[in-house]
N, C-alpha and C. Protein backbone atom coordinates (compact mmCIF):
# COMPACT_ATOMS: atom_id res chain seq x y z
N MET A 1 59.80 -30.61 133.21
CA MET A 1 58.46 -31.19 133.32
C MET A 1 58.54 -32.48 134.19
N SER A 2 57.49 -32.69 134.89
CA SER A 2 57.49 -33.86 135.71
C SER A 2 57.03 -35.11 134.89
N THR A 3 57.21 -36.25 135.53
CA THR A 3 56.84 -37.50 134.93
C THR A 3 55.33 -37.60 134.70
N VAL A 4 54.57 -37.03 135.64
CA VAL A 4 53.13 -37.06 135.55
C VAL A 4 52.67 -36.27 134.33
N ALA A 5 53.34 -35.13 134.02
CA ALA A 5 52.97 -34.33 132.85
C ALA A 5 53.25 -35.12 131.56
N PHE A 6 54.40 -35.82 131.45
CA PHE A 6 54.69 -36.61 130.29
C PHE A 6 53.67 -37.76 130.12
N ILE A 7 53.27 -38.37 131.20
CA ILE A 7 52.27 -39.46 131.11
C ILE A 7 50.94 -38.89 130.65
N CYS A 8 50.55 -37.75 131.17
CA CYS A 8 49.29 -37.11 130.74
C CYS A 8 49.31 -36.74 129.25
N LEU A 9 50.43 -36.15 128.82
CA LEU A 9 50.57 -35.81 127.41
C LEU A 9 50.59 -37.05 126.52
N GLY A 10 51.22 -38.09 126.98
CA GLY A 10 51.19 -39.35 126.22
C GLY A 10 49.78 -39.92 126.07
N ILE A 11 49.04 -39.95 127.17
CA ILE A 11 47.68 -40.47 127.13
C ILE A 11 46.82 -39.60 126.21
N CYS A 12 46.93 -38.31 126.32
CA CYS A 12 46.12 -37.39 125.47
C CYS A 12 46.54 -37.60 123.97
N GLY A 13 47.81 -37.79 123.72
CA GLY A 13 48.27 -38.03 122.34
C GLY A 13 47.67 -39.33 121.79
N ILE A 14 47.75 -40.37 122.56
CA ILE A 14 47.18 -41.66 122.08
C ILE A 14 45.70 -41.59 121.88
N ALA A 15 44.94 -40.91 122.84
CA ALA A 15 43.53 -40.76 122.65
C ALA A 15 43.17 -39.92 121.41
N SER A 16 43.94 -38.88 121.13
CA SER A 16 43.72 -38.08 119.92
C SER A 16 43.99 -38.91 118.67
N LEU A 17 45.01 -39.71 118.72
CA LEU A 17 45.35 -40.56 117.53
C LEU A 17 44.24 -41.58 117.30
N LEU A 18 43.76 -42.21 118.31
CA LEU A 18 42.66 -43.16 118.21
C LEU A 18 41.38 -42.50 117.70
N ALA A 19 41.07 -41.32 118.19
CA ALA A 19 39.90 -40.61 117.68
C ALA A 19 39.99 -40.26 116.21
N ALA A 20 41.18 -39.85 115.80
CA ALA A 20 41.40 -39.52 114.36
C ALA A 20 41.24 -40.76 113.49
N VAL A 21 41.76 -41.84 113.92
CA VAL A 21 41.62 -43.11 113.18
C VAL A 21 40.18 -43.52 113.08
N TRP A 22 39.45 -43.42 114.16
CA TRP A 22 38.02 -43.79 114.17
C TRP A 22 37.21 -42.85 113.23
N ILE A 23 37.50 -41.54 113.22
CA ILE A 23 36.73 -40.61 112.34
C ILE A 23 37.04 -40.97 110.88
N VAL A 24 38.28 -41.22 110.54
CA VAL A 24 38.63 -41.55 109.16
C VAL A 24 37.94 -42.85 108.71
N ALA A 25 37.98 -43.85 109.60
CA ALA A 25 37.37 -45.13 109.25
C ALA A 25 35.84 -44.97 109.10
N TYR A 26 35.23 -44.17 109.92
CA TYR A 26 33.76 -43.92 109.84
C TYR A 26 33.44 -43.23 108.53
N ARG A 27 34.25 -42.26 108.12
CA ARG A 27 33.98 -41.49 106.89
C ARG A 27 34.20 -42.40 105.67
N VAL A 28 35.21 -43.22 105.69
CA VAL A 28 35.44 -44.11 104.58
C VAL A 28 34.29 -45.10 104.42
N GLY A 29 33.72 -45.56 105.49
CA GLY A 29 32.53 -46.48 105.39
C GLY A 29 31.40 -45.83 104.69
N PHE A 30 31.17 -44.54 104.94
CA PHE A 30 30.03 -43.84 104.26
C PHE A 30 30.40 -43.56 102.80
N ASP A 31 31.65 -43.29 102.53
CA ASP A 31 32.04 -43.06 101.14
C ASP A 31 31.87 -44.23 100.22
N GLU A 32 31.95 -45.42 100.77
CA GLU A 32 31.80 -46.62 99.97
C GLU A 32 30.33 -46.93 99.69
N GLY A 33 29.43 -46.14 100.17
CA GLY A 33 27.99 -46.29 99.91
C GLY A 33 27.35 -47.38 100.69
N ARG A 34 27.75 -47.59 101.88
CA ARG A 34 27.15 -48.62 102.75
C ARG A 34 25.83 -48.09 103.33
N LEU A 35 24.78 -48.08 102.56
CA LEU A 35 23.49 -47.68 103.04
C LEU A 35 22.60 -48.91 103.17
N THR A 36 21.64 -48.80 103.98
CA THR A 36 20.71 -49.93 104.15
C THR A 36 19.45 -49.70 103.37
N ILE A 37 18.92 -50.81 102.89
CA ILE A 37 17.67 -50.82 102.13
C ILE A 37 16.63 -51.46 103.04
N PRO A 38 15.47 -50.84 103.20
CA PRO A 38 14.44 -51.41 104.08
C PRO A 38 14.02 -52.82 103.59
N LEU A 39 13.86 -53.72 104.50
CA LEU A 39 13.49 -55.09 104.16
C LEU A 39 12.09 -55.14 103.49
N ARG A 40 11.24 -54.22 103.84
CA ARG A 40 9.90 -54.12 103.19
C ARG A 40 10.08 -53.87 101.69
N MET A 41 11.02 -53.01 101.30
CA MET A 41 11.22 -52.72 99.89
C MET A 41 11.80 -53.93 99.18
N ILE A 42 12.74 -54.68 99.82
CA ILE A 42 13.31 -55.83 99.20
C ILE A 42 12.25 -56.90 99.04
N SER A 43 11.37 -57.03 100.00
CA SER A 43 10.26 -57.99 99.94
C SER A 43 9.32 -57.65 98.78
N ALA A 44 9.04 -56.38 98.60
CA ALA A 44 8.17 -55.96 97.50
C ALA A 44 8.86 -56.25 96.14
N LEU A 45 10.16 -56.04 96.09
CA LEU A 45 10.91 -56.39 94.86
C LEU A 45 10.85 -57.83 94.55
N ALA A 46 11.03 -58.68 95.55
CA ALA A 46 10.97 -60.13 95.38
C ALA A 46 9.60 -60.58 94.91
N GLU A 47 8.57 -60.01 95.54
CA GLU A 47 7.18 -60.33 95.14
C GLU A 47 6.89 -59.92 93.71
N HIS A 48 7.37 -58.73 93.36
CA HIS A 48 7.15 -58.24 91.98
C HIS A 48 7.87 -59.14 90.95
N GLN A 49 9.09 -59.55 91.24
CA GLN A 49 9.81 -60.37 90.29
C GLN A 49 9.18 -61.75 90.13
N VAL A 50 8.64 -62.28 91.18
CA VAL A 50 8.08 -63.65 91.15
C VAL A 50 6.66 -63.57 90.60
N ALA A 51 5.84 -62.68 91.15
CA ALA A 51 4.44 -62.68 90.80
C ALA A 51 4.14 -61.96 89.49
N CYS A 52 4.71 -60.76 89.31
CA CYS A 52 4.36 -59.99 88.13
C CYS A 52 5.20 -60.37 86.90
N LEU A 53 6.52 -60.46 87.10
CA LEU A 53 7.40 -60.77 85.96
C LEU A 53 7.53 -62.25 85.70
N GLU A 54 7.02 -63.07 86.63
CA GLU A 54 7.03 -64.50 86.55
C GLU A 54 8.45 -65.07 86.33
N GLU A 55 9.43 -64.54 87.07
CA GLU A 55 10.75 -65.02 87.02
C GLU A 55 10.90 -66.27 87.88
N ASP A 56 11.93 -67.03 87.56
CA ASP A 56 12.22 -68.28 88.33
C ASP A 56 12.55 -67.90 89.77
N PRO A 57 11.83 -68.49 90.71
CA PRO A 57 12.08 -68.13 92.14
C PRO A 57 13.53 -68.44 92.61
N ALA A 58 14.11 -69.53 92.13
CA ALA A 58 15.50 -69.84 92.49
C ALA A 58 16.43 -68.76 91.97
N ARG A 59 16.21 -68.33 90.77
CA ARG A 59 17.07 -67.27 90.17
C ARG A 59 16.91 -65.97 90.93
N THR A 60 15.65 -65.64 91.28
CA THR A 60 15.38 -64.40 92.02
C THR A 60 16.08 -64.43 93.32
N ALA A 61 16.03 -65.56 94.02
CA ALA A 61 16.73 -65.68 95.34
C ALA A 61 18.25 -65.51 95.18
N ARG A 62 18.80 -66.11 94.12
CA ARG A 62 20.25 -65.93 93.92
C ARG A 62 20.58 -64.46 93.63
N ASP A 63 19.75 -63.81 92.78
CA ASP A 63 20.01 -62.39 92.47
C ASP A 63 19.93 -61.52 93.67
N LEU A 64 18.93 -61.73 94.55
CA LEU A 64 18.83 -60.95 95.78
C LEU A 64 20.02 -61.20 96.69
N ALA A 65 20.46 -62.45 96.81
CA ALA A 65 21.61 -62.74 97.67
C ALA A 65 22.89 -62.11 97.08
N GLU A 66 23.02 -62.21 95.78
CA GLU A 66 24.26 -61.69 95.16
C GLU A 66 24.35 -60.16 95.13
N HIS A 67 23.27 -59.52 94.67
CA HIS A 67 23.34 -58.11 94.43
C HIS A 67 23.07 -57.26 95.68
N LEU A 68 22.30 -57.75 96.60
CA LEU A 68 21.97 -57.01 97.79
C LEU A 68 22.74 -57.44 99.03
N GLY A 69 23.49 -58.54 98.89
CA GLY A 69 24.28 -58.99 99.99
C GLY A 69 23.49 -59.66 101.12
N LEU A 70 22.31 -60.16 100.74
CA LEU A 70 21.48 -60.86 101.71
C LEU A 70 22.00 -62.28 101.95
N PRO A 71 21.87 -62.81 103.13
CA PRO A 71 22.18 -64.23 103.34
C PRO A 71 21.23 -65.10 102.45
N GLU A 72 21.74 -66.18 101.98
CA GLU A 72 20.92 -67.06 101.11
C GLU A 72 19.62 -67.52 101.73
N ILE A 73 19.67 -67.82 103.05
CA ILE A 73 18.48 -68.24 103.71
C ILE A 73 17.39 -67.11 103.76
N GLU A 74 17.85 -65.94 103.99
CA GLU A 74 16.93 -64.77 104.03
C GLU A 74 16.31 -64.54 102.66
N ALA A 75 17.11 -64.67 101.58
CA ALA A 75 16.56 -64.49 100.26
C ALA A 75 15.56 -65.58 99.95
N GLN A 76 15.81 -66.80 100.32
CA GLN A 76 14.82 -67.89 100.07
C GLN A 76 13.57 -67.66 100.86
N ARG A 77 13.67 -67.15 102.03
CA ARG A 77 12.47 -66.85 102.87
C ARG A 77 11.63 -65.78 102.21
N LEU A 78 12.27 -64.77 101.66
CA LEU A 78 11.50 -63.70 100.96
C LEU A 78 10.80 -64.25 99.72
N ILE A 79 11.47 -65.18 99.03
CA ILE A 79 10.89 -65.78 97.83
C ILE A 79 9.71 -66.63 98.23
N ALA A 80 9.82 -67.41 99.32
CA ALA A 80 8.69 -68.21 99.79
C ALA A 80 7.51 -67.32 100.12
N ARG A 81 7.74 -66.22 100.77
CA ARG A 81 6.66 -65.27 101.10
C ARG A 81 6.04 -64.71 99.79
N ALA A 82 6.87 -64.46 98.79
CA ALA A 82 6.36 -63.88 97.54
C ALA A 82 5.53 -64.93 96.81
N GLU A 83 5.96 -66.20 96.86
CA GLU A 83 5.15 -67.26 96.24
C GLU A 83 3.83 -67.43 96.94
N GLN A 84 3.80 -67.28 98.25
CA GLN A 84 2.54 -67.36 98.95
C GLN A 84 1.59 -66.24 98.55
N ALA A 85 2.17 -65.08 98.32
CA ALA A 85 1.33 -63.95 97.87
C ALA A 85 0.82 -64.20 96.45
N ARG A 86 1.56 -64.91 95.67
CA ARG A 86 1.18 -65.17 94.29
C ARG A 86 0.06 -66.23 94.21
N ALA A 87 -0.03 -67.14 95.18
CA ALA A 87 -0.99 -68.20 95.21
C ALA A 87 -2.43 -67.60 95.32
N PRO A 88 -3.35 -68.16 94.64
CA PRO A 88 -4.74 -67.60 94.70
C PRO A 88 -5.27 -67.72 96.13
N ARG A 89 -5.89 -66.68 96.59
CA ARG A 89 -6.47 -66.70 97.91
C ARG A 89 -7.90 -67.16 97.85
N THR A 90 -8.23 -68.03 98.76
CA THR A 90 -9.61 -68.53 98.81
C THR A 90 -10.31 -67.85 99.96
N THR A 91 -11.53 -67.47 99.78
CA THR A 91 -12.32 -66.90 100.85
C THR A 91 -13.50 -67.77 101.12
N GLY A 92 -14.11 -67.54 102.21
CA GLY A 92 -15.29 -68.31 102.59
C GLY A 92 -16.53 -67.88 101.87
N LEU A 93 -16.48 -66.83 101.10
CA LEU A 93 -17.62 -66.33 100.45
C LEU A 93 -17.86 -67.03 99.07
N ARG A 94 -19.05 -67.35 98.81
CA ARG A 94 -19.38 -67.94 97.49
C ARG A 94 -19.71 -66.82 96.55
N SER A 95 -19.20 -66.97 95.35
CA SER A 95 -19.53 -65.94 94.34
C SER A 95 -20.87 -66.25 93.75
N ALA A 96 -21.59 -65.24 93.33
CA ALA A 96 -22.94 -65.42 92.82
C ALA A 96 -22.96 -65.78 91.36
């Protein structure tokens, strides 16, 4: 066999090995349950905990950050939005 054939076989072997490693790593990531939760659902959960269950907003932010893996700033932003939703809304209409 010529040198060119050995080089081609070597390149194909390395490419096959890299593809196999990538496929295994991809499958392992899904096996660990790395699924995404829509932010709209997380926001509804935060609003429910603060407004309906009347939980402490700081505790709710910590729980969201800890259990869902959200950044602390994002969890606090969701809680601030939930507190705004809990505040009574005023309208320009006078009640009779």
